[in-house]
Amino acid sequence: MNKTKSTRRNISFLKTAVRTGFAWPGGYPLSAITFDGSALCMNCCRKNWRSVAHESMIKGWERCGWGVRAVEVLWEGGNYCDHCSAVLDAYPLEETENA
């Protein structure tokens, strides 16, 4: 497979992940893992889409800080976005009702 076809498929997959933000089936939240090992929330990827997609995937700049290596499912909580410090939890906190 040539590089352009693979790049287009990767950008398409990343674009779908950024738009939805959740894995299907299951509804687990997704996070992007950069080349330097940082975790990014999907909101930061959406807000910085030009840097994420254009600079890291099309131009091949792996050291720009936004280069996404993988999109992963958050199986456990306790993680934070390295850009905005948002809590990346596997499940959102459920409100308890007083009966």
C-alpha atoms as a PDB file:
ATOM      1  CA  MET A   1       0.000   0.000   0.000  1.00  0.00           C
ATOM      2  CA  ASN A   2       1.372   3.401  -0.855  1.00  0.00           C
ATOM      3  CA  LYS A   3       1.926   6.135   1.708  1.00  0.00           C
ATOM      4  CA  THR A   4      -0.766   8.539   0.506  1.00  0.00           C
ATOM      5  CA  LYS A   5      -3.500   5.906   0.740  1.00  0.00           C
ATOM      6  CA  SER A   6      -2.385   4.971   4.240  1.00  0.00           C
ATOM      7  CA  THR A   7      -2.176   8.636   5.277  1.00  0.00           C
ATOM      8  CA  ARG A   8      -5.681   9.326   3.983  1.00  0.00           C
ATOM      9  CA  ARG A   9      -7.050   6.358   5.912  1.00  0.00           C
ATOM     10  CA  ASN A  10      -5.287   7.485   9.110  1.00  0.00           C
ATOM     11  CA  ILE A  11      -6.615  11.034   8.773  1.00  0.00           C
ATOM     12  CA  SER A  12     -10.105   9.686   8.108  1.00  0.00           C
ATOM     13  CA  PHE A  13      -9.921   7.494  11.221  1.00  0.00           C
ATOM     14  CA  LEU A  14      -8.616  10.373  13.333  1.00  0.00           C
ATOM     15  CA  LYS A  15     -11.307  12.719  12.003  1.00  0.00           C
ATOM     16  CA  THR A  16     -14.027  10.224  12.946  1.00  0.00           C
ATOM     17  CA  ALA A  17     -12.552   9.798  16.430  1.00  0.00           C
ATOM     18  CA  VAL A  18     -12.388  13.566  16.958  1.00  0.00           C
ATOM     19  CA  ARG A  19     -15.970  14.070  15.768  1.00  0.00           C
ATOM     20  CA  THR A  20     -17.521  11.350  17.897  1.00  0.00           C
ATOM     21  CA  GLY A  21     -15.149  11.212  20.862  1.00  0.00           C
ATOM     22  CA  PHE A  22     -16.343   7.735  21.828  1.00  0.00           C
ATOM     23  CA  ALA A  23     -15.623   4.175  20.738  1.00  0.00           C
ATOM     24  CA  TRP A  24     -18.403   2.112  19.226  1.00  0.00           C
ATOM     25  CA  PRO A  25     -19.659  -0.239  20.581  1.00  0.00           C
ATOM     26  CA  GLY A  26     -19.398   0.459  24.256  1.00  0.00           C
ATOM     27  CA  GLY A  27     -19.268   4.244  24.350  1.00  0.00           C
ATOM     28  CA  TYR A  28     -15.839   4.423  25.951  1.00  0.00           C
ATOM     29  CA  PRO A  29     -14.196   7.853  25.703  1.00  0.00           C
ATOM     30  CA  LEU A  30     -11.207   8.176  23.386  1.00  0.00           C
ATOM     31  CA  SER A  31      -7.943  10.015  23.836  1.00  0.00           C
ATOM     32  CA  ALA A  32      -5.162  10.762  21.402  1.00  0.00           C
ATOM     33  CA  ILE A  33      -1.619   9.655  22.216  1.00  0.00           C
ATOM     34  CA  THR A  34       1.120  11.820  20.728  1.00  0.00           C
ATOM     35  CA  PHE A  35       4.581  10.781  19.565  1.00  0.00           C
ATOM     36  CA  ASP A  36       6.096  12.122  22.781  1.00  0.00           C
ATOM     37  CA  GLY A  37       3.688  10.067  24.938  1.00  0.00           C
ATOM     38  CA  SER A  38       1.276  12.825  25.922  1.00  0.00           C
ATOM     39  CA  ALA A  39      -2.464  12.239  26.159  1.00  0.00           C
ATOM     40  CA  LEU A  40      -4.840  14.697  24.500  1.00  0.00           C
ATOM     41  CA  CYS A  41      -8.590  14.928  24.938  1.00  0.00           C
ATOM     42  CA  MET A  42     -10.752  14.984  21.838  1.00  0.00           C
ATOM     43  CA  ASN A  43     -11.753  18.615  22.534  1.00  0.00           C
ATOM     44  CA  CYS A  44      -8.111  19.720  22.285  1.00  0.00           C
ATOM     45  CA  CYS A  45      -7.692  17.700  19.095  1.00  0.00           C
ATOM     46  CA  ARG A  46     -10.805  19.354  17.678  1.00  0.00           C
ATOM     47  CA  LYS A  47      -9.701  22.873  18.634  1.00  0.00           C
ATOM     48  CA  ASN A  48      -6.188  22.311  17.242  1.00  0.00           C
ATOM     49  CA  TRP A  49      -7.214  20.223  14.232  1.00  0.00           C
ATOM     50  CA  ARG A  50      -4.899  22.030  11.805  1.00  0.00           C
ATOM     51  CA  SER A  51      -1.849  21.236  13.904  1.00  0.00           C
ATOM     52  CA  VAL A  52      -2.929  17.676  14.645  1.00  0.00           C
ATOM     53  CA  ALA A  53      -3.863  16.600  11.128  1.00  0.00           C
ATOM     54  CA  HIS A  54      -1.885  18.824   8.806  1.00  0.00           C
ATOM     55  CA  GLU A  55       1.430  19.154  10.582  1.00  0.00           C
ATOM     56  CA  SER A  56       1.739  15.676  12.030  1.00  0.00           C
ATOM     57  CA  MET A  57       0.128  13.413   9.421  1.00  0.00           C
ATOM     58  CA  ILE A  58       0.443  15.185   6.103  1.00  0.00           C
ATOM     59  CA  LYS A  59       3.824  16.867   6.513  1.00  0.00           C
ATOM     60  CA  GLY A  60       5.197  14.160   8.777  1.00  0.00           C
ATOM     61  CA  TRP A  61       6.397  16.468  11.520  1.00  0.00           C
ATOM     62  CA  GLU A  62       6.526  14.053  14.410  1.00  0.00           C
ATOM     63  CA  ARG A  63       8.210  16.489  16.755  1.00  0.00           C
ATOM     64  CA  CYS A  64       5.714  19.340  16.564  1.00  0.00           C
ATOM     65  CA  GLY A  65       4.039  18.316  19.840  1.00  0.00           C
ATOM     66  CA  TRP A  66       0.712  17.596  18.176  1.00  0.00           C
ATOM     67  CA  GLY A  67       1.803  14.505  16.235  1.00  0.00           C
ATOM     68  CA  VAL A  68      -0.798  11.849  17.032  1.00  0.00           C
ATOM     69  CA  ARG A  69       0.550   8.317  17.045  1.00  0.00           C
ATOM     70  CA  ALA A  70      -2.630   6.528  18.159  1.00  0.00           C
ATOM     71  CA  VAL A  71      -6.179   6.947  19.351  1.00  0.00           C
ATOM     72  CA  GLU A  72      -6.829   4.844  22.425  1.00  0.00           C
ATOM     73  CA  VAL A  73      -9.824   3.845  24.492  1.00  0.00           C
ATOM     74  CA  LEU A  74      -9.744   5.036  28.089  1.00  0.00           C
ATOM     75  CA  TRP A  75     -10.198   1.838  30.059  1.00  0.00           C
ATOM     76  CA  GLU A  76      -9.392   3.407  33.431  1.00  0.00           C
ATOM     77  CA  GLY A  77      -9.741   6.841  34.930  1.00  0.00           C
ATOM     78  CA  GLY A  78      -7.165   9.042  36.582  1.00  0.00           C
ATOM     79  CA  ASN A  79      -5.650  10.430  33.375  1.00  0.00           C
ATOM     80  CA  TYR A  80      -5.381  14.086  32.435  1.00  0.00           C
ATOM     81  CA  CYS A  81      -5.141  15.905  29.112  1.00  0.00           C
ATOM     82  CA  ASP A  82      -1.613  17.263  28.822  1.00  0.00           C
ATOM     83  CA  HIS A  83      -2.816  20.389  27.013  1.00  0.00           C
ATOM     84  CA  CYS A  84      -5.876  21.593  28.959  1.00  0.00           C
ATOM     85  CA  SER A  85      -5.605  19.424  32.130  1.00  0.00           C
ATOM     86  CA  ALA A  86      -9.128  18.063  31.689  1.00  0.00           C
ATOM     87  CA  VAL A  87      -9.837  14.838  33.536  1.00  0.00           C
ATOM     88  CA  LEU A  88      -9.971  11.890  31.150  1.00  0.00           C
ATOM     89  CA  ASP A  89     -12.195   9.354  32.903  1.00  0.00           C
ATOM     90  CA  ALA A  90     -13.305   6.009  31.571  1.00  0.00           C
ATOM     91  CA  TYR A  91     -16.846   6.702  32.726  1.00  0.00           C
ATOM     92  CA  PRO A  92     -18.310  10.067  33.612  1.00  0.00           C
ATOM     93  CA  LEU A  93     -19.259  10.519  37.243  1.00  0.00           C
ATOM     94  CA  GLU A  94     -22.768   9.339  37.909  1.00  0.00           C
ATOM     95  CA  GLU A  95     -24.959  11.440  40.112  1.00  0.00           C
ATOM     96  CA  THR A  96     -26.460   9.618  43.038  1.00  0.00           C
ATOM     97  CA  GLU A  97     -30.048  10.274  43.933  1.00  0.00           C
ATOM     98  CA  ASN A  98     -31.176  10.507  47.504  1.00  0.00           C
ATOM     99  CA  ALA A  99     -34.221   8.304  47.921  1.00  0.00           C
END
